[in-house]
C-alpha cells in the first residue's frame, strides 16, 4: 500500500487546509478531518495522474515514523497503488512503453490505459504487464489504519 503524509491546518473560515509535503502541488481542503482526508485522496490521485500523463517522476512517499495531531497518512486505493508501482517499475527499468507493448503483444492504447488512473484496468492485465518486466505482484491484507 502506498500512503502519503498530509498536513492539516485550520483556516480562518473553519475549514481545514490540506497539503502534502511529498507532492508539493497537492493542496485541497475539507470541512472536517474526515472530509479533508477524503479530498486529499482525490487531490493526490489527480496530481499523480498529471505527472504520469506528462511522463514525469512521481516522488515516492517518505517513511513516516510518528504523526503529529495535525498530520495524517492517506492510503491510495489498491488500483492506484498497482498502477503507480507499475509506472515506477517501468521508469526504473530499461523498458519503454513501446517495448512493453511489443512484449505484451497489445496495441499501444491498451498499454497506455494501464498508466491512466481514471481507467479501471483489470488486475490480470496489470499482472501481465509486471510479468513482461520480470516482476510479480505480492499482495497483503492488513488491519485498517488508525
N, C-alpha and C. Protein backbone atom coordinates (compact mmCIF):
# COMPACT_ATOMS: atom_id res chain seq x y z
N UNK A 1 0.84 -1.18 0.00
CA UNK A 1 0.00 0.00 0.00
C UNK A 1 0.89 1.25 0.00
N UNK A 2 0.50 2.18 -0.76
CA UNK A 2 1.20 3.47 -0.82
C UNK A 2 0.37 4.47 -0.05
N UNK A 3 1.01 5.19 0.87
CA UNK A 3 0.31 6.21 1.66
C UNK A 3 1.19 7.45 1.75
N UNK A 4 0.59 8.59 1.50
CA UNK A 4 1.29 9.86 1.59
C UNK A 4 0.85 10.60 2.85
N UNK A 5 1.81 11.27 3.46
CA UNK A 5 1.51 12.09 4.64
C UNK A 5 0.92 13.41 4.19
N UNK A 6 -0.13 13.83 4.88
CA UNK A 6 -0.70 15.15 4.64
C UNK A 6 -0.61 15.96 5.93
N UNK A 7 -0.65 17.27 5.75
CA UNK A 7 -0.66 18.20 6.88
C UNK A 7 -1.99 18.95 6.82
N UNK A 8 -2.67 19.00 7.96
CA UNK A 8 -3.96 19.67 8.07
C UNK A 8 -3.79 20.93 8.91
N UNK A 9 -4.19 22.06 8.35
CA UNK A 9 -4.06 23.33 9.06
C UNK A 9 -5.41 24.03 9.08
N UNK A 10 -5.76 24.57 10.23
CA UNK A 10 -7.02 25.30 10.35
C UNK A 10 -6.97 26.57 9.52
N UNK A 11 -8.07 26.82 8.82
CA UNK A 11 -8.19 28.04 8.03
C UNK A 11 -9.07 29.02 8.80
N UNK A 12 -9.06 30.27 8.40
CA UNK A 12 -9.83 31.30 9.10
C UNK A 12 -11.33 31.12 8.96
N UNK A 13 -11.79 30.35 7.96
CA UNK A 13 -13.23 30.16 7.77
C UNK A 13 -13.74 28.86 8.38
N UNK A 14 -12.92 28.20 9.20
CA UNK A 14 -13.35 27.00 9.90
C UNK A 14 -13.08 25.70 9.15
N UNK A 15 -12.55 25.77 7.94
CA UNK A 15 -12.20 24.56 7.20
C UNK A 15 -10.77 24.16 7.51
N UNK A 16 -10.38 23.01 7.01
CA UNK A 16 -9.00 22.55 7.16
C UNK A 16 -8.31 22.59 5.80
N UNK A 17 -7.17 23.25 5.75
CA UNK A 17 -6.35 23.26 4.55
C UNK A 17 -5.46 22.03 4.57
N UNK A 18 -5.29 21.41 3.41
CA UNK A 18 -4.51 20.18 3.30
C UNK A 18 -3.35 20.41 2.34
N UNK A 19 -2.16 19.99 2.75
CA UNK A 19 -1.00 19.97 1.86
C UNK A 19 -0.31 18.63 2.02
N UNK A 20 0.52 18.30 1.04
CA UNK A 20 1.23 17.02 1.04
C UNK A 20 2.71 17.32 0.80
N UNK A 21 3.54 17.17 1.83
CA UNK A 21 4.96 17.53 1.68
C UNK A 21 5.69 16.78 0.56
N UNK A 22 5.30 15.53 0.30
CA UNK A 22 5.96 14.74 -0.73
C UNK A 22 5.52 15.12 -2.14
N UNK A 23 4.37 15.76 -2.25
CA UNK A 23 3.82 16.18 -3.54
C UNK A 23 3.44 17.66 -3.43
N UNK A 24 4.38 18.57 -3.64
CA UNK A 24 4.17 19.99 -3.37
C UNK A 24 3.00 20.63 -4.11
N UNK A 25 2.53 20.05 -5.19
CA UNK A 25 1.40 20.63 -5.91
C UNK A 25 0.05 20.25 -5.35
N UNK A 26 0.02 19.40 -4.35
CA UNK A 26 -1.25 18.94 -3.78
C UNK A 26 -1.70 19.89 -2.69
N UNK A 27 -2.84 20.53 -2.94
CA UNK A 27 -3.47 21.41 -1.96
C UNK A 27 -4.98 21.25 -2.10
N UNK A 28 -5.65 21.07 -0.98
CA UNK A 28 -7.10 20.96 -1.00
C UNK A 28 -7.61 21.38 0.37
N UNK A 29 -8.86 21.10 0.66
CA UNK A 29 -9.44 21.48 1.94
C UNK A 29 -10.54 20.50 2.31
N UNK A 30 -11.04 20.63 3.51
CA UNK A 30 -12.18 19.84 3.95
C UNK A 30 -12.89 20.54 5.08
N UNK A 31 -14.16 20.20 5.24
CA UNK A 31 -14.97 20.80 6.31
C UNK A 31 -14.52 20.32 7.69
N UNK A 32 -14.08 19.06 7.75
CA UNK A 32 -13.56 18.47 8.99
C UNK A 32 -12.45 17.49 8.60
N UNK A 33 -11.89 16.80 9.57
CA UNK A 33 -10.74 15.91 9.30
C UNK A 33 -11.09 14.82 8.28
N UNK A 34 -12.22 14.14 8.47
CA UNK A 34 -12.61 13.08 7.54
C UNK A 34 -12.81 13.61 6.13
N UNK A 35 -13.47 14.74 6.02
CA UNK A 35 -13.71 15.35 4.72
C UNK A 35 -12.38 15.78 4.08
N UNK A 36 -11.49 16.30 4.87
CA UNK A 36 -10.18 16.73 4.36
C UNK A 36 -9.38 15.54 3.84
N UNK A 37 -9.40 14.43 4.55
CA UNK A 37 -8.69 13.22 4.12
C UNK A 37 -9.31 12.71 2.81
N UNK A 38 -10.63 12.71 2.74
CA UNK A 38 -11.33 12.27 1.52
C UNK A 38 -10.90 13.13 0.32
N UNK A 39 -10.89 14.44 0.51
CA UNK A 39 -10.46 15.34 -0.56
C UNK A 39 -8.99 15.16 -0.89
N UNK A 40 -8.19 14.81 0.11
CA UNK A 40 -6.75 14.62 -0.10
C UNK A 40 -6.49 13.44 -1.04
N UNK A 41 -7.24 12.37 -0.89
CA UNK A 41 -7.07 11.22 -1.78
C UNK A 41 -7.29 11.66 -3.23
N UNK A 42 -8.37 12.38 -3.47
CA UNK A 42 -8.68 12.85 -4.82
C UNK A 42 -7.58 13.79 -5.34
N UNK A 43 -7.14 14.71 -4.50
CA UNK A 43 -6.11 15.67 -4.92
C UNK A 43 -4.79 14.96 -5.22
N UNK A 44 -4.42 13.98 -4.40
CA UNK A 44 -3.18 13.23 -4.62
C UNK A 44 -3.28 12.43 -5.91
N UNK A 45 -4.41 11.75 -6.12
CA UNK A 45 -4.57 10.97 -7.35
C UNK A 45 -4.53 11.88 -8.59
N UNK A 46 -5.16 13.03 -8.50
CA UNK A 46 -5.17 13.97 -9.63
C UNK A 46 -3.75 14.44 -9.94
N UNK A 47 -2.99 14.77 -8.92
CA UNK A 47 -1.62 15.25 -9.10
C UNK A 47 -0.74 14.15 -9.69
N UNK A 48 -0.85 12.94 -9.15
CA UNK A 48 -0.06 11.81 -9.65
C UNK A 48 -0.44 11.50 -11.10
N UNK A 49 -1.72 11.51 -11.40
CA UNK A 49 -2.17 11.25 -12.78
C UNK A 49 -1.58 12.26 -13.75
N UNK A 50 -1.50 13.50 -13.34
CA UNK A 50 -0.93 14.55 -14.17
C UNK A 50 0.56 14.30 -14.42
N UNK A 51 1.29 13.94 -13.37
CA UNK A 51 2.71 13.65 -13.52
C UNK A 51 2.93 12.46 -14.44
N UNK A 52 2.13 11.41 -14.26
CA UNK A 52 2.25 10.22 -15.09
C UNK A 52 1.92 10.53 -16.55
N UNK A 53 0.88 11.31 -16.79
CA UNK A 53 0.49 11.66 -18.16
C UNK A 53 1.59 12.43 -18.87
N UNK A 54 2.34 13.23 -18.11
CA UNK A 54 3.43 14.02 -18.69
C UNK A 54 4.76 13.26 -18.69
N UNK A 55 4.75 12.01 -18.20
CA UNK A 55 5.97 11.21 -18.18
C UNK A 55 7.01 11.70 -17.19
N UNK A 56 6.55 12.37 -16.13
CA UNK A 56 7.45 12.94 -15.13
C UNK A 56 7.62 12.00 -13.94
N UNK A 57 8.63 12.26 -13.15
CA UNK A 57 8.88 11.48 -11.94
C UNK A 57 7.77 11.71 -10.93
N UNK A 58 7.30 10.64 -10.33
CA UNK A 58 6.34 10.73 -9.23
C UNK A 58 7.11 10.39 -7.95
N UNK A 59 7.26 11.37 -7.06
CA UNK A 59 8.02 11.10 -5.83
C UNK A 59 7.37 10.00 -4.99
N UNK A 60 8.21 9.12 -4.49
CA UNK A 60 7.72 8.10 -3.55
C UNK A 60 7.47 8.77 -2.21
N UNK A 61 6.48 8.27 -1.47
CA UNK A 61 6.25 8.86 -0.14
C UNK A 61 7.41 8.53 0.79
N UNK A 62 7.74 9.49 1.61
CA UNK A 62 8.80 9.28 2.60
C UNK A 62 8.25 8.42 3.75
N UNK A 63 9.14 7.67 4.37
CA UNK A 63 8.74 6.86 5.53
C UNK A 63 8.30 7.78 6.66
N UNK A 64 7.25 7.40 7.34
CA UNK A 64 6.72 8.19 8.45
C UNK A 64 6.78 7.35 9.71
N UNK A 65 7.44 7.87 10.70
CA UNK A 65 7.55 7.16 11.98
C UNK A 65 6.42 7.56 12.94
N UNK A 66 6.28 8.85 13.10
CA UNK A 66 5.25 9.37 14.02
C UNK A 66 4.49 10.48 13.33
N UNK A 67 3.22 10.55 13.63
CA UNK A 67 2.40 11.63 13.09
C UNK A 67 2.00 12.56 14.22
N UNK A 68 2.04 13.85 13.94
CA UNK A 68 1.56 14.81 14.94
C UNK A 68 0.04 14.90 14.81
N UNK A 69 -0.57 15.66 15.68
CA UNK A 69 -2.02 15.81 15.72
C UNK A 69 -2.57 16.40 14.42
N UNK A 70 -1.79 17.22 13.76
CA UNK A 70 -2.27 17.88 12.53
C UNK A 70 -1.78 17.17 11.26
N UNK A 71 -1.38 15.90 11.38
CA UNK A 71 -0.93 15.12 10.23
C UNK A 71 -1.76 13.85 10.12
N UNK A 72 -1.78 13.29 8.92
CA UNK A 72 -2.47 12.02 8.69
C UNK A 72 -1.79 11.31 7.53
N UNK A 73 -1.93 9.99 7.50
CA UNK A 73 -1.47 9.21 6.37
C UNK A 73 -2.67 8.93 5.47
N UNK A 74 -2.49 9.15 4.18
CA UNK A 74 -3.57 8.95 3.22
C UNK A 74 -3.20 7.77 2.33
N UNK A 75 -3.81 6.60 2.58
CA UNK A 75 -3.53 5.46 1.71
C UNK A 75 -4.25 5.61 0.37
N UNK A 76 -3.56 5.24 -0.69
CA UNK A 76 -4.16 5.31 -2.01
C UNK A 76 -4.96 4.03 -2.28
N UNK A 77 -5.99 4.13 -3.11
CA UNK A 77 -6.75 2.92 -3.46
C UNK A 77 -5.85 1.86 -4.08
N UNK A 78 -6.26 0.60 -3.98
CA UNK A 78 -5.44 -0.52 -4.44
C UNK A 78 -5.09 -0.41 -5.92
N UNK A 79 -6.05 -0.07 -6.77
CA UNK A 79 -5.77 0.01 -8.20
C UNK A 79 -4.79 1.14 -8.50
N UNK A 80 -4.93 2.26 -7.81
CA UNK A 80 -3.98 3.37 -7.98
C UNK A 80 -2.59 2.92 -7.55
N UNK A 81 -2.51 2.20 -6.44
CA UNK A 81 -1.22 1.70 -5.95
C UNK A 81 -0.57 0.79 -6.99
N UNK A 82 -1.34 -0.13 -7.56
CA UNK A 82 -0.78 -1.04 -8.56
C UNK A 82 -0.30 -0.29 -9.80
N UNK A 83 -1.09 0.67 -10.26
CA UNK A 83 -0.71 1.44 -11.45
C UNK A 83 0.54 2.28 -11.17
N UNK A 84 0.62 2.85 -10.00
CA UNK A 84 1.78 3.66 -9.65
C UNK A 84 3.03 2.78 -9.51
N UNK A 85 2.88 1.62 -8.90
CA UNK A 85 4.03 0.69 -8.81
C UNK A 85 4.47 0.25 -10.21
N UNK A 86 3.52 0.03 -11.11
CA UNK A 86 3.85 -0.34 -12.48
C UNK A 86 4.60 0.81 -13.17
N UNK A 87 4.15 2.03 -12.95
CA UNK A 87 4.80 3.21 -13.52
C UNK A 87 6.23 3.33 -13.02
N UNK A 88 6.41 3.18 -11.70
CA UNK A 88 7.76 3.24 -11.14
C UNK A 88 8.64 2.13 -11.70
N UNK A 89 8.09 0.91 -11.79
CA UNK A 89 8.87 -0.22 -12.31
C UNK A 89 9.30 0.03 -13.75
N UNK A 90 8.42 0.57 -14.55
CA UNK A 90 8.76 0.85 -15.94
C UNK A 90 9.84 1.92 -16.03
N UNK A 91 9.71 2.99 -15.23
CA UNK A 91 10.69 4.08 -15.26
C UNK A 91 12.06 3.62 -14.75
N UNK A 92 12.07 2.67 -13.81
CA UNK A 92 13.33 2.19 -13.25
C UNK A 92 13.99 1.12 -14.11
N UNK A 93 13.26 0.62 -15.10
CA UNK A 93 13.81 -0.41 -15.99
C UNK A 93 14.36 0.26 -17.25
N UNK A 94 14.92 -0.55 -18.10
CA UNK A 94 15.39 -0.05 -19.39
C UNK A 94 14.33 -0.28 -20.46
N UNK A 95 13.09 -0.48 -20.03
CA UNK A 95 12.00 -0.82 -20.94
C UNK A 95 11.16 0.43 -21.19
N UNK A 96 10.86 0.69 -22.45
CA UNK A 96 9.96 1.79 -22.81
C UNK A 96 8.53 1.25 -22.90
N UNK A 97 7.57 2.16 -23.00
CA UNK A 97 6.19 1.72 -23.21
C UNK A 97 6.06 0.99 -24.54
N UNK A 98 6.80 1.43 -25.53
CA UNK A 98 6.77 0.75 -26.83
C UNK A 98 7.27 -0.69 -26.69
N UNK A 99 8.33 -0.88 -25.93
CA UNK A 99 8.85 -2.23 -25.71
C UNK A 99 7.86 -3.06 -24.90
N UNK A 100 7.23 -2.46 -23.90
CA UNK A 100 6.22 -3.17 -23.12
C UNK A 100 5.06 -3.58 -24.02
N UNK A 101 4.67 -2.71 -24.93
CA UNK A 101 3.61 -3.01 -25.90
C UNK A 101 4.00 -4.22 -26.75
N UNK A 102 5.24 -4.23 -27.22
CA UNK A 102 5.73 -5.34 -28.04
C UNK A 102 5.74 -6.64 -27.24
N UNK A 103 6.24 -6.60 -26.01
CA UNK A 103 6.32 -7.81 -25.18
C UNK A 103 4.93 -8.38 -24.88
N UNK A 104 3.97 -7.50 -24.65
CA UNK A 104 2.62 -7.94 -24.32
C UNK A 104 1.82 -8.34 -25.57
N UNK A 105 2.29 -7.86 -26.73
CA UNK A 105 1.57 -8.09 -28.00
C UNK A 105 0.17 -7.46 -27.94
N UNK A 106 0.13 -6.26 -27.34
CA UNK A 106 -1.10 -5.49 -27.25
C UNK A 106 -0.94 -4.26 -28.13
N UNK A 107 -2.05 -3.52 -28.32
CA UNK A 107 -1.91 -2.23 -29.01
C UNK A 107 -1.47 -1.18 -27.99
N UNK A 108 -0.95 -0.08 -28.49
CA UNK A 108 -0.38 0.95 -27.62
C UNK A 108 -1.43 1.54 -26.66
N UNK A 109 -2.64 1.75 -27.14
CA UNK A 109 -3.69 2.32 -26.29
C UNK A 109 -3.98 1.43 -25.09
N UNK A 110 -3.98 0.12 -25.29
CA UNK A 110 -4.23 -0.81 -24.18
C UNK A 110 -3.15 -0.69 -23.11
N UNK A 111 -1.91 -0.51 -23.54
CA UNK A 111 -0.81 -0.34 -22.60
C UNK A 111 -0.92 1.03 -21.91
N UNK A 112 -1.21 2.06 -22.67
CA UNK A 112 -1.34 3.40 -22.09
C UNK A 112 -2.41 3.45 -21.01
N UNK A 113 -3.49 2.69 -21.19
CA UNK A 113 -4.58 2.68 -20.18
C UNK A 113 -4.10 2.15 -18.83
N UNK A 114 -3.09 1.29 -18.85
CA UNK A 114 -2.56 0.75 -17.59
C UNK A 114 -1.99 1.86 -16.71
N UNK A 115 -1.63 2.97 -17.33
CA UNK A 115 -0.99 4.07 -16.59
C UNK A 115 -1.94 5.24 -16.38
N UNK A 116 -3.20 5.10 -16.76
CA UNK A 116 -4.20 6.14 -16.53
C UNK A 116 -5.00 5.80 -15.29
N UNK A 117 -4.95 6.66 -14.30
CA UNK A 117 -5.64 6.39 -13.04
C UNK A 117 -7.16 6.45 -13.18
N UNK A 118 -7.64 7.10 -14.23
CA UNK A 118 -9.09 7.19 -14.42
C UNK A 118 -9.64 6.01 -15.20
N UNK A 119 -8.80 5.05 -15.54
CA UNK A 119 -9.26 3.85 -16.26
C UNK A 119 -9.26 2.66 -15.32
N UNK A 120 -10.34 1.91 -15.31
CA UNK A 120 -10.48 0.75 -14.43
C UNK A 120 -9.84 -0.49 -15.07
N UNK A 121 -8.52 -0.51 -15.10
CA UNK A 121 -7.79 -1.65 -15.67
C UNK A 121 -8.08 -2.91 -14.86
N UNK A 122 -8.03 -4.03 -15.54
CA UNK A 122 -8.22 -5.31 -14.86
C UNK A 122 -6.90 -5.74 -14.22
N UNK A 123 -7.01 -6.38 -13.07
CA UNK A 123 -5.83 -6.83 -12.33
C UNK A 123 -5.00 -7.80 -13.18
N UNK A 124 -5.65 -8.69 -13.94
CA UNK A 124 -4.89 -9.65 -14.74
C UNK A 124 -4.05 -8.94 -15.80
N UNK A 125 -4.52 -7.80 -16.30
CA UNK A 125 -3.74 -7.04 -17.27
C UNK A 125 -2.51 -6.42 -16.62
N UNK A 126 -2.71 -5.91 -15.42
CA UNK A 126 -1.58 -5.32 -14.68
C UNK A 126 -0.56 -6.40 -14.33
N UNK A 127 -1.05 -7.56 -13.92
CA UNK A 127 -0.14 -8.69 -13.64
C UNK A 127 0.67 -9.07 -14.87
N UNK A 128 0.03 -9.11 -16.02
CA UNK A 128 0.74 -9.45 -17.26
C UNK A 128 1.81 -8.40 -17.57
N UNK A 129 1.51 -7.13 -17.33
CA UNK A 129 2.48 -6.07 -17.58
C UNK A 129 3.68 -6.21 -16.64
N UNK A 130 3.42 -6.49 -15.38
CA UNK A 130 4.54 -6.73 -14.46
C UNK A 130 5.34 -7.94 -14.93
N UNK A 131 4.65 -9.00 -15.33
CA UNK A 131 5.32 -10.21 -15.79
C UNK A 131 6.21 -9.95 -17.00
N UNK A 132 5.77 -9.05 -17.88
CA UNK A 132 6.57 -8.69 -19.06
C UNK A 132 7.86 -7.98 -18.67
N UNK A 133 7.91 -7.47 -17.43
CA UNK A 133 9.12 -6.82 -16.92
C UNK A 133 9.84 -7.70 -15.90
N UNK A 134 9.47 -8.99 -15.89
CA UNK A 134 10.05 -9.96 -14.96
C UNK A 134 9.82 -9.57 -13.50
N UNK A 135 8.62 -9.10 -13.24
CA UNK A 135 8.22 -8.76 -11.88
C UNK A 135 6.89 -9.43 -11.59
N UNK A 136 6.53 -9.50 -10.31
CA UNK A 136 5.24 -10.06 -9.94
C UNK A 136 4.63 -9.22 -8.83
N UNK A 137 3.34 -9.39 -8.64
CA UNK A 137 2.61 -8.67 -7.60
C UNK A 137 2.56 -9.54 -6.35
N UNK A 138 2.78 -8.94 -5.19
CA UNK A 138 2.66 -9.63 -3.91
C UNK A 138 1.69 -8.81 -3.06
N UNK A 139 0.54 -9.37 -2.74
CA UNK A 139 -0.49 -8.64 -2.01
C UNK A 139 -0.56 -9.09 -0.56
N UNK A 140 -0.98 -8.16 0.31
CA UNK A 140 -1.22 -8.46 1.72
C UNK A 140 -2.54 -7.83 2.13
N UNK A 141 -3.20 -8.43 3.08
CA UNK A 141 -4.41 -7.85 3.66
C UNK A 141 -4.04 -7.46 5.09
N UNK A 142 -4.31 -6.19 5.43
CA UNK A 142 -3.92 -5.64 6.72
C UNK A 142 -5.14 -5.11 7.46
N UNK A 143 -4.96 -4.89 8.74
CA UNK A 143 -5.99 -4.21 9.54
C UNK A 143 -6.07 -2.75 9.09
N UNK A 144 -7.21 -2.10 9.29
CA UNK A 144 -7.35 -0.69 8.88
C UNK A 144 -6.33 0.20 9.60
N UNK A 145 -5.95 1.28 8.91
CA UNK A 145 -5.05 2.28 9.52
C UNK A 145 -5.86 3.14 10.47
N UNK A 146 -5.25 3.49 11.59
CA UNK A 146 -5.93 4.37 12.56
C UNK A 146 -5.10 5.60 12.79
